All heavy atoms as atom14 arrays in JSON, in Angstrom:
{
  "sequence": "RRADRAAEMLLAFDTFGSIPAHVEVVDVGSLTRDGRFLSLR",
  "atom14_mask": [
    [1, 1, 1, 1, 1, 1, 1, 1, 1, 1, 1, 0, 0, 0],
    [1, 1, 1, 1, 1, 1, 1, 1, 1, 1, 1, 0, 0, 0],
    [1, 1, 1, 1, 1, 0, 0, 0, 0, 0, 0, 0, 0, 0],
    [1, 1, 1, 1, 1, 1, 1, 1, 0, 0, 0, 0, 0, 0],
    [1, 1, 1, 1, 1, 1, 1, 1, 1, 1, 1, 0, 0, 0],
    [1, 1, 1, 1, 1, 0, 0, 0, 0, 0, 0, 0, 0, 0],
    [1, 1, 1, 1, 1, 0, 0, 0, 0, 0, 0, 0, 0, 0],
    [1, 1, 1, 1, 1, 1, 1, 1, 1, 0, 0, 0, 0, 0],
    [1, 1, 1, 1, 1, 1, 1, 1, 0, 0, 0, 0, 0, 0],
    [1, 1, 1, 1, 1, 1, 1, 1, 0, 0, 0, 0, 0, 0],
    [1, 1, 1, 1, 1, 1, 1, 1, 0, 0, 0, 0, 0, 0],
    [1, 1, 1, 1, 1, 0, 0, 0, 0, 0, 0, 0, 0, 0],
    [1, 1, 1, 1, 1, 1, 1, 1, 1, 1, 1, 0, 0, 0],
    [1, 1, 1, 1, 1, 1, 1, 1, 0, 0, 0, 0, 0, 0],
    [1, 1, 1, 1, 1, 1, 1, 0, 0, 0, 0, 0, 0, 0],
    [1, 1, 1, 1, 1, 1, 1, 1, 1, 1, 1, 0, 0, 0],
    [1, 1, 1, 1, 0, 0, 0, 0, 0, 0, 0, 0, 0, 0],
    [1, 1, 1, 1, 1, 1, 0, 0, 0, 0, 0, 0, 0, 0],
    [1, 1, 1, 1, 1, 1, 1, 1, 0, 0, 0, 0, 0, 0],
    [1, 1, 1, 1, 1, 1, 1, 0, 0, 0, 0, 0, 0, 0],
    [1, 1, 1, 1, 1, 0, 0, 0, 0, 0, 0, 0, 0, 0],
    [1, 1, 1, 1, 1, 1, 1, 1, 1, 1, 0, 0, 0, 0],
    [1, 1, 1, 1, 1, 1, 1, 0, 0, 0, 0, 0, 0, 0],
    [1, 1, 1, 1, 1, 1, 1, 1, 1, 0, 0, 0, 0, 0],
    [1, 1, 1, 1, 1, 1, 1, 0, 0, 0, 0, 0, 0, 0],
    [1, 1, 1, 1, 1, 1, 1, 0, 0, 0, 0, 0, 0, 0],
    [1, 1, 1, 1, 1, 1, 1, 1, 0, 0, 0, 0, 0, 0],
    [1, 1, 1, 1, 1, 1, 1, 0, 0, 0, 0, 0, 0, 0],
    [1, 1, 1, 1, 0, 0, 0, 0, 0, 0, 0, 0, 0, 0],
    [1, 1, 1, 1, 1, 1, 0, 0, 0, 0, 0, 0, 0, 0],
    [1, 1, 1, 1, 1, 1, 1, 1, 0, 0, 0, 0, 0, 0],
    [1, 1, 1, 1, 1, 1, 1, 0, 0, 0, 0, 0, 0, 0],
    [1, 1, 1, 1, 1, 1, 1, 1, 1, 1, 1, 0, 0, 0],
    [1, 1, 1, 1, 1, 1, 1, 1, 0, 0, 0, 0, 0, 0],
    [1, 1, 1, 1, 0, 0, 0, 0, 0, 0, 0, 0, 0, 0],
    [1, 1, 1, 1, 1, 1, 1, 1, 1, 1, 1, 0, 0, 0],
    [1, 1, 1, 1, 1, 1, 1, 1, 1, 1, 1, 0, 0, 0],
    [1, 1, 1, 1, 1, 1, 1, 1, 0, 0, 0, 0, 0, 0],
    [1, 1, 1, 1, 1, 1, 0, 0, 0, 0, 0, 0, 0, 0],
    [1, 1, 1, 1, 1, 1, 1, 1, 0, 0, 0, 0, 0, 0],
    [1, 1, 1, 1, 1, 1, 1, 1, 1, 1, 1, 0, 0, 0]
  ],
  "atom14_positions": [
    [[65.71, -16.4, -194.95], [65.43, -15.22, -195.78], [66.41, -14.1, -195.44], [66.8, -13.96, -194.29], [64.0, -14.74, -195.55], [62.93, -15.78, -195.85], [61.58, -15.3, -195.39], [60.59, -16.37, -195.5], [59.47, -16.42, -194.8], [59.18, -15.46, -193.93], [58.63, -17.43, -194.95], [0.0, 0.0, 0.0], [0.0, 0.0, 0.0], [0.0, 0.0, 0.0]],
    [[66.75, -13.31, -196.44], [67.63, -12.19, -196.2], [67.06, -11.25, -195.13], [67.78, -10.71, -194.3], [67.89, -11.42, -197.5], [68.88, -10.27, -197.35], [69.21, -9.62, -198.65], [68.06, -8.96, -199.25], [68.12, -7.82, -199.94], [69.3, -7.25, -200.12], [67.05, -7.3, -200.48], [0.0, 0.0, 0.0], [0.0, 0.0, 0.0], [0.0, 0.0, 0.0]],
    [[65.72, -11.08, -195.14], [65.09, -10.22, -194.15], [65.29, -10.74, -192.74], [65.45, -9.94, -191.79], [63.58, -10.11, -194.46], [0.0, 0.0, 0.0], [0.0, 0.0, 0.0], [0.0, 0.0, 0.0], [0.0, 0.0, 0.0], [0.0, 0.0, 0.0], [0.0, 0.0, 0.0], [0.0, 0.0, 0.0], [0.0, 0.0, 0.0], [0.0, 0.0, 0.0]],
    [[65.32, -12.06, -192.56], [65.59, -12.64, -191.24], [66.99, -12.24, -190.76], [67.19, -11.87, -189.6], [65.51, -14.16, -191.29], [64.16, -14.69, -191.75], [63.15, -14.09, -191.4], [64.16, -15.71, -192.46], [0.0, 0.0, 0.0], [0.0, 0.0, 0.0], [0.0, 0.0, 0.0], [0.0, 0.0, 0.0], [0.0, 0.0, 0.0], [0.0, 0.0, 0.0]],
    [[67.94, -12.36, -191.68], [69.34, -12.08, -191.3], [69.55, -10.6, -191.03], [70.31, -10.23, -190.13], [70.26, -12.62, -192.4], [70.08, -14.13, -192.62], [71.11, -14.7, -193.58], [70.96, -14.29, -194.95], [70.14, -14.87, -195.82], [69.35, -15.86, -195.45], [70.08, -14.45, -197.09], [0.0, 0.0, 0.0], [0.0, 0.0, 0.0], [0.0, 0.0, 0.0]],
    [[68.86, -9.76, -191.79], [68.94, -8.33, -191.53], [68.35, -7.99, -190.15], [68.9, -7.19, -189.38], [68.21, -7.55, -192.62], [0.0, 0.0, 0.0], [0.0, 0.0, 0.0], [0.0, 0.0, 0.0], [0.0, 0.0, 0.0], [0.0, 0.0, 0.0], [0.0, 0.0, 0.0], [0.0, 0.0, 0.0], [0.0, 0.0, 0.0], [0.0, 0.0, 0.0]],
    [[67.22, -8.61, -189.84], [66.58, -8.38, -188.55], [67.49, -8.78, -187.38], [67.57, -8.09, -186.36], [65.26, -9.14, -188.46], [0.0, 0.0, 0.0], [0.0, 0.0, 0.0], [0.0, 0.0, 0.0], [0.0, 0.0, 0.0], [0.0, 0.0, 0.0], [0.0, 0.0, 0.0], [0.0, 0.0, 0.0], [0.0, 0.0, 0.0], [0.0, 0.0, 0.0]],
    [[68.23, -9.87, -187.56], [69.13, -10.33, -186.51], [70.21, -9.29, -186.24], [70.51, -8.97, -185.08], [69.79, -11.66, -186.97], [70.82, -12.2, -186.0], [71.56, -13.4, -186.58], [71.46, -13.64, -187.79], [72.24, -14.07, -185.79], [0.0, 0.0, 0.0], [0.0, 0.0, 0.0], [0.0, 0.0, 0.0], [0.0, 0.0, 0.0], [0.0, 0.0, 0.0]],
    [[70.78, -8.71, -187.3], [71.83, -7.72, -187.12], [71.3, -6.43, -186.5], [71.93, -5.82, -185.63], [72.49, -7.42, -188.47], [73.2, -8.62, -189.09], [74.5, -9.25, -188.02], [75.11, -10.61, -189.04], [0.0, 0.0, 0.0], [0.0, 0.0, 0.0], [0.0, 0.0, 0.0], [0.0, 0.0, 0.0], [0.0, 0.0, 0.0], [0.0, 0.0, 0.0]],
    [[70.12, -5.98, -186.95], [69.55, -4.75, -186.43], [69.16, -4.91, -184.95], [69.32, -3.98, -184.16], [68.34, -4.33, -187.26], [68.67, -3.86, -188.69], [67.39, -3.68, -189.49], [69.46, -2.57, -188.67], [0.0, 0.0, 0.0], [0.0, 0.0, 0.0], [0.0, 0.0, 0.0], [0.0, 0.0, 0.0], [0.0, 0.0, 0.0], [0.0, 0.0, 0.0]],
    [[68.64, -6.07, -184.6], [68.3, -6.31, -183.21], [69.55, -6.29, -182.34], [69.55, -5.73, -181.23], [67.57, -7.65, -183.07], [67.06, -7.98, -181.66], [66.03, -6.95, -181.2], [66.44, -9.38, -181.64], [0.0, 0.0, 0.0], [0.0, 0.0, 0.0], [0.0, 0.0, 0.0], [0.0, 0.0, 0.0], [0.0, 0.0, 0.0], [0.0, 0.0, 0.0]],
    [[70.65, -6.88, -182.82], [71.89, -6.85, -182.06], [72.38, -5.39, -181.86], [72.79, -5.01, -180.77], [72.96, -7.65, -182.8], [0.0, 0.0, 0.0], [0.0, 0.0, 0.0], [0.0, 0.0, 0.0], [0.0, 0.0, 0.0], [0.0, 0.0, 0.0], [0.0, 0.0, 0.0], [0.0, 0.0, 0.0], [0.0, 0.0, 0.0], [0.0, 0.0, 0.0]],
    [[72.29, -4.58, -182.91], [72.71, -3.18, -182.82], [71.87, -2.44, -181.78], [72.4, -1.6, -181.03], [72.58, -2.53, -184.19], [73.05, -1.1, -184.24], [74.39, -0.8, -184.33], [72.14, -0.05, -184.21], [74.84, 0.51, -184.36], [72.56, 1.27, -184.26], [73.91, 1.55, -184.34], [0.0, 0.0, 0.0], [0.0, 0.0, 0.0], [0.0, 0.0, 0.0]],
    [[70.59, -2.75, -181.73], [69.68, -2.06, -180.82], [69.79, -2.52, -179.37], [69.4, -1.78, -178.45], [68.23, -2.23, -181.27], [67.89, -1.45, -182.53], [68.7, -0.57, -182.92], [66.83, -1.73, -183.12], [0.0, 0.0, 0.0], [0.0, 0.0, 0.0], [0.0, 0.0, 0.0], [0.0, 0.0, 0.0], [0.0, 0.0, 0.0], [0.0, 0.0, 0.0]],
    [[70.32, -3.71, -179.11], [70.22, -4.3, -177.78], [71.56, -4.57, -177.08], [71.58, -4.71, -175.85], [69.44, -5.63, -177.82], [70.05, -6.52, -178.74], [67.99, -5.36, -178.25], [0.0, 0.0, 0.0], [0.0, 0.0, 0.0], [0.0, 0.0, 0.0], [0.0, 0.0, 0.0], [0.0, 0.0, 0.0], [0.0, 0.0, 0.0], [0.0, 0.0, 0.0]],
    [[72.66, -4.68, -177.8], [73.93, -5.02, -177.15], [74.25, -4.08, -176.02], [74.75, -4.47, -174.96], [75.07, -5.02, -178.17], [75.25, -6.34, -178.9], [74.2, -7.23, -179.04], [76.47, -6.65, -179.5], [74.35, -8.42, -179.73], [76.63, -7.84, -180.19], [75.58, -8.72, -180.3], [0.0, 0.0, 0.0], [0.0, 0.0, 0.0], [0.0, 0.0, 0.0]],
    [[73.96, -2.78, -176.2], [74.31, -1.79, -175.19], [73.44, -1.83, -173.95], [73.75, -1.16, -172.96], [0.0, 0.0, 0.0], [0.0, 0.0, 0.0], [0.0, 0.0, 0.0], [0.0, 0.0, 0.0], [0.0, 0.0, 0.0], [0.0, 0.0, 0.0], [0.0, 0.0, 0.0], [0.0, 0.0, 0.0], [0.0, 0.0, 0.0], [0.0, 0.0, 0.0]],
    [[72.38, -2.62, -173.97], [71.48, -2.68, -172.8], [71.9, -3.73, -171.77], [71.29, -3.81, -170.7], [70.06, -2.96, -173.25], [69.94, -4.28, -173.81], [0.0, 0.0, 0.0], [0.0, 0.0, 0.0], [0.0, 0.0, 0.0], [0.0, 0.0, 0.0], [0.0, 0.0, 0.0], [0.0, 0.0, 0.0], [0.0, 0.0, 0.0], [0.0, 0.0, 0.0]],
    [[72.9, -4.53, -172.11], [73.3, -5.63, -171.23], [74.62, -5.3, -170.55], [75.63, -5.06, -171.23], [73.44, -6.93, -172.05], [72.14, -7.25, -172.78], [73.85, -8.11, -171.14], [70.94, -7.4, -171.87], [0.0, 0.0, 0.0], [0.0, 0.0, 0.0], [0.0, 0.0, 0.0], [0.0, 0.0, 0.0], [0.0, 0.0, 0.0], [0.0, 0.0, 0.0]],
    [[74.66, -5.29, -169.22], [75.93, -5.01, -168.51], [77.04, -5.99, -168.89], [76.77, -7.18, -169.08], [75.52, -5.15, -167.03], [74.05, -4.94, -167.01], [73.54, -5.5, -168.3], [0.0, 0.0, 0.0], [0.0, 0.0, 0.0], [0.0, 0.0, 0.0], [0.0, 0.0, 0.0], [0.0, 0.0, 0.0], [0.0, 0.0, 0.0], [0.0, 0.0, 0.0]],
    [[78.25, -5.49, -168.98], [79.45, -6.27, -169.26], [79.4, -6.96, -170.64], [80.14, -7.91, -170.89], [79.68, -7.33, -168.17], [0.0, 0.0, 0.0], [0.0, 0.0, 0.0], [0.0, 0.0, 0.0], [0.0, 0.0, 0.0], [0.0, 0.0, 0.0], [0.0, 0.0, 0.0], [0.0, 0.0, 0.0], [0.0, 0.0, 0.0], [0.0, 0.0, 0.0]],
    [[78.58, -6.46, -171.54], [78.47, -7.04, -172.88], [79.48, -6.36, -173.79], [79.89, -5.21, -173.55], [77.05, -6.8, -173.42], [76.65, -7.7, -174.54], [77.08, -7.53, -175.84], [75.84, -8.8, -174.56], [76.55, -8.46, -176.6], [75.8, -9.26, -175.85], [0.0, 0.0, 0.0], [0.0, 0.0, 0.0], [0.0, 0.0, 0.0], [0.0, 0.0, 0.0]],
    [[79.9, -7.05, -174.85], [80.73, -6.39, -175.85], [79.95, -5.22, -176.42], [78.7, -5.23, -176.46], [81.15, -7.36, -176.98], [82.03, -8.46, -176.43], [79.94, -7.91, -177.72], [0.0, 0.0, 0.0], [0.0, 0.0, 0.0], [0.0, 0.0, 0.0], [0.0, 0.0, 0.0], [0.0, 0.0, 0.0], [0.0, 0.0, 0.0], [0.0, 0.0, 0.0]],
    [[80.68, -4.19, -176.86], [80.04, -3.0, -177.38], [79.81, -3.13, -178.89], [80.59, -3.77, -179.59], [80.91, -1.76, -177.11], [81.14, -1.48, -175.64], [82.07, -0.31, -175.42], [82.32, 0.43, -176.41], [82.55, -0.14, -174.3], [0.0, 0.0, 0.0], [0.0, 0.0, 0.0], [0.0, 0.0, 0.0], [0.0, 0.0, 0.0], [0.0, 0.0, 0.0]],
    [[78.76, -2.51, -179.38], [78.5, -2.49, -180.79], [79.11, -1.22, -181.38], [79.04, -0.15, -180.79], [77.0, -2.58, -181.09], [76.25, -1.34, -180.6], [76.73, -2.78, -182.57], [0.0, 0.0, 0.0], [0.0, 0.0, 0.0], [0.0, 0.0, 0.0], [0.0, 0.0, 0.0], [0.0, 0.0, 0.0], [0.0, 0.0, 0.0], [0.0, 0.0, 0.0]],
    [[79.79, -1.36, -182.52], [80.47, -0.25, -183.16], [79.69, 0.26, -184.37], [79.55, 1.46, -184.59], [81.91, -0.65, -183.56], [82.6, 0.47, -184.32], [82.72, -1.05, -182.32], [0.0, 0.0, 0.0], [0.0, 0.0, 0.0], [0.0, 0.0, 0.0], [0.0, 0.0, 0.0], [0.0, 0.0, 0.0], [0.0, 0.0, 0.0], [0.0, 0.0, 0.0]],
    [[79.17, -0.66, -185.16], [78.49, -0.27, -186.39], [77.56, -1.4, -186.81], [77.67, -2.54, -186.34], [79.53, 0.01, -187.5], [78.96, 0.74, -188.7], [77.87, 1.33, -188.56], [79.58, 0.71, -189.78], [0.0, 0.0, 0.0], [0.0, 0.0, 0.0], [0.0, 0.0, 0.0], [0.0, 0.0, 0.0], [0.0, 0.0, 0.0], [0.0, 0.0, 0.0]],
    [[76.65, -1.11, -187.69], [75.81, -2.11, -188.31], [75.56, -1.69, -189.75], [75.53, -0.49, -190.04], [74.46, -2.27, -187.56], [73.59, -1.03, -187.69], [73.68, -3.5, -188.05], [0.0, 0.0, 0.0], [0.0, 0.0, 0.0], [0.0, 0.0, 0.0], [0.0, 0.0, 0.0], [0.0, 0.0, 0.0], [0.0, 0.0, 0.0], [0.0, 0.0, 0.0]],
    [[75.46, -2.64, -190.64], [75.27, -2.26, -192.03], [75.0, -3.45, -192.92], [74.69, -4.56, -192.46], [0.0, 0.0, 0.0], [0.0, 0.0, 0.0], [0.0, 0.0, 0.0], [0.0, 0.0, 0.0], [0.0, 0.0, 0.0], [0.0, 0.0, 0.0], [0.0, 0.0, 0.0], [0.0, 0.0, 0.0], [0.0, 0.0, 0.0], [0.0, 0.0, 0.0]],
    [[75.18, -3.22, -194.2], [74.9, -4.22, -195.21], [76.11, -4.38, -196.11], [76.85, -3.4, -196.36], [73.69, -3.78, -196.04], [73.5, -4.62, -197.16], [0.0, 0.0, 0.0], [0.0, 0.0, 0.0], [0.0, 0.0, 0.0], [0.0, 0.0, 0.0], [0.0, 0.0, 0.0], [0.0, 0.0, 0.0], [0.0, 0.0, 0.0], [0.0, 0.0, 0.0]],
    [[76.3, -5.56, -196.62], [77.32, -5.82, -197.63], [76.67, -5.65, -198.98], [75.71, -6.36, -199.33], [77.87, -7.24, -197.49], [79.06, -7.6, -198.39], [80.26, -6.72, -198.11], [79.42, -9.07, -198.2], [0.0, 0.0, 0.0], [0.0, 0.0, 0.0], [0.0, 0.0, 0.0], [0.0, 0.0, 0.0], [0.0, 0.0, 0.0], [0.0, 0.0, 0.0]],
    [[77.11, -4.69, -199.76], [76.49, -4.4, -201.04], [76.84, -5.46, -202.08], [77.72, -6.28, -201.87], [76.92, -3.01, -201.57], [78.31, -3.04, -201.84], [76.62, -1.92, -200.55], [0.0, 0.0, 0.0], [0.0, 0.0, 0.0], [0.0, 0.0, 0.0], [0.0, 0.0, 0.0], [0.0, 0.0, 0.0], [0.0, 0.0, 0.0], [0.0, 0.0, 0.0]],
    [[76.14, -5.4, -203.21], [76.35, -6.43, -204.23], [77.76, -6.41, -204.8], [78.24, -7.43, -205.3], [75.33, -6.24, -205.36], [73.91, -6.6, -204.97], [72.95, -6.5, -206.15], [71.61, -6.93, -205.8], [70.69, -6.15, -205.3], [70.95, -4.87, -205.09], [69.49, -6.62, -205.0], [0.0, 0.0, 0.0], [0.0, 0.0, 0.0], [0.0, 0.0, 0.0]],
    [[78.42, -5.25, -204.76], [79.78, -5.18, -205.3], [80.83, -5.32, -204.22], [81.99, -4.99, -204.41], [80.0, -3.89, -206.1], [79.77, -2.65, -205.26], [79.38, -2.78, -204.07], [79.99, -1.53, -205.78], [0.0, 0.0, 0.0], [0.0, 0.0, 0.0], [0.0, 0.0, 0.0], [0.0, 0.0, 0.0], [0.0, 0.0, 0.0], [0.0, 0.0, 0.0]],
    [[80.44, -5.83, -203.03], [81.41, -6.17, -202.01], [81.78, -5.08, -201.04], [82.7, -5.23, -200.25], [0.0, 0.0, 0.0], [0.0, 0.0, 0.0], [0.0, 0.0, 0.0], [0.0, 0.0, 0.0], [0.0, 0.0, 0.0], [0.0, 0.0, 0.0], [0.0, 0.0, 0.0], [0.0, 0.0, 0.0], [0.0, 0.0, 0.0], [0.0, 0.0, 0.0]],
    [[81.09, -3.94, -201.08], [81.37, -2.85, -200.15], [80.49, -2.98, -198.91], [79.41, -3.55, -198.96], [81.14, -1.5, -200.81], [82.08, -1.18, -201.95], [81.75, 0.17, -202.59], [80.42, 0.16, -203.23], [79.36, 0.76, -202.74], [79.4, 1.42, -201.6], [78.19, 0.7, -203.4], [0.0, 0.0, 0.0], [0.0, 0.0, 0.0], [0.0, 0.0, 0.0]],
    [[81.0, -2.4, -197.8], [80.19, -2.34, -196.59], [79.46, -1.02, -196.54], [80.06, 0.05, -196.69], [81.09, -2.5, -195.35], [81.62, -3.89, -195.16], [82.91, -4.22, -195.52], [80.8, -4.88, -194.61], [83.4, -5.49, -195.37], [81.29, -6.17, -194.46], [82.57, -6.49, -194.82], [0.0, 0.0, 0.0], [0.0, 0.0, 0.0], [0.0, 0.0, 0.0]],
    [[78.15, -1.07, -196.33], [77.31, 0.13, -196.27], [76.78, 0.27, -194.85], [76.02, -0.57, -194.38], [76.15, 0.02, -197.26], [75.13, 1.16, -197.27], [75.8, 2.45, -197.76], [73.94, 0.8, -198.14], [0.0, 0.0, 0.0], [0.0, 0.0, 0.0], [0.0, 0.0, 0.0], [0.0, 0.0, 0.0], [0.0, 0.0, 0.0], [0.0, 0.0, 0.0]],
    [[77.18, 1.34, -194.16], [76.77, 1.52, -192.78], [75.3, 1.9, -192.68], [74.79, 2.67, -193.48], [77.62, 2.62, -192.14], [77.16, 2.88, -190.81], [0.0, 0.0, 0.0], [0.0, 0.0, 0.0], [0.0, 0.0, 0.0], [0.0, 0.0, 0.0], [0.0, 0.0, 0.0], [0.0, 0.0, 0.0], [0.0, 0.0, 0.0], [0.0, 0.0, 0.0]],
    [[74.64, 1.37, -191.66], [73.26, 1.73, -191.32], [73.15, 2.25, -189.9], [72.05, 2.29, -189.35], [72.34, 0.5, -191.51], [72.22, -0.1, -192.9], [71.35, -1.35, -192.83], [71.62, 0.89, -193.87], [0.0, 0.0, 0.0], [0.0, 0.0, 0.0], [0.0, 0.0, 0.0], [0.0, 0.0, 0.0], [0.0, 0.0, 0.0], [0.0, 0.0, 0.0]],
    [[74.28, 2.65, -189.32], [74.26, 2.98, -187.89], [73.38, 4.2, -187.58], [72.9, 4.35, -186.47], [75.67, 3.2, -187.37], [76.46, 4.33, -188.0], [77.85, 4.45, -187.37], [78.66, 5.46, -188.03], [79.45, 5.23, -189.09], [79.52, 3.99, -189.6], [80.16, 6.19, -189.63], [0.0, 0.0, 0.0], [0.0, 0.0, 0.0], [0.0, 0.0, 0.0]]
  ]
}
């Protein structure tokens, strides 16, 4: 489900910074129907 995939991305945005030596998160968002990236940070 699209909701599952959205949850995966939002969880990554919320948690990547809590783990030592982890890659940093820069942004999180959605790909709109016309192909644009929409930030949700």
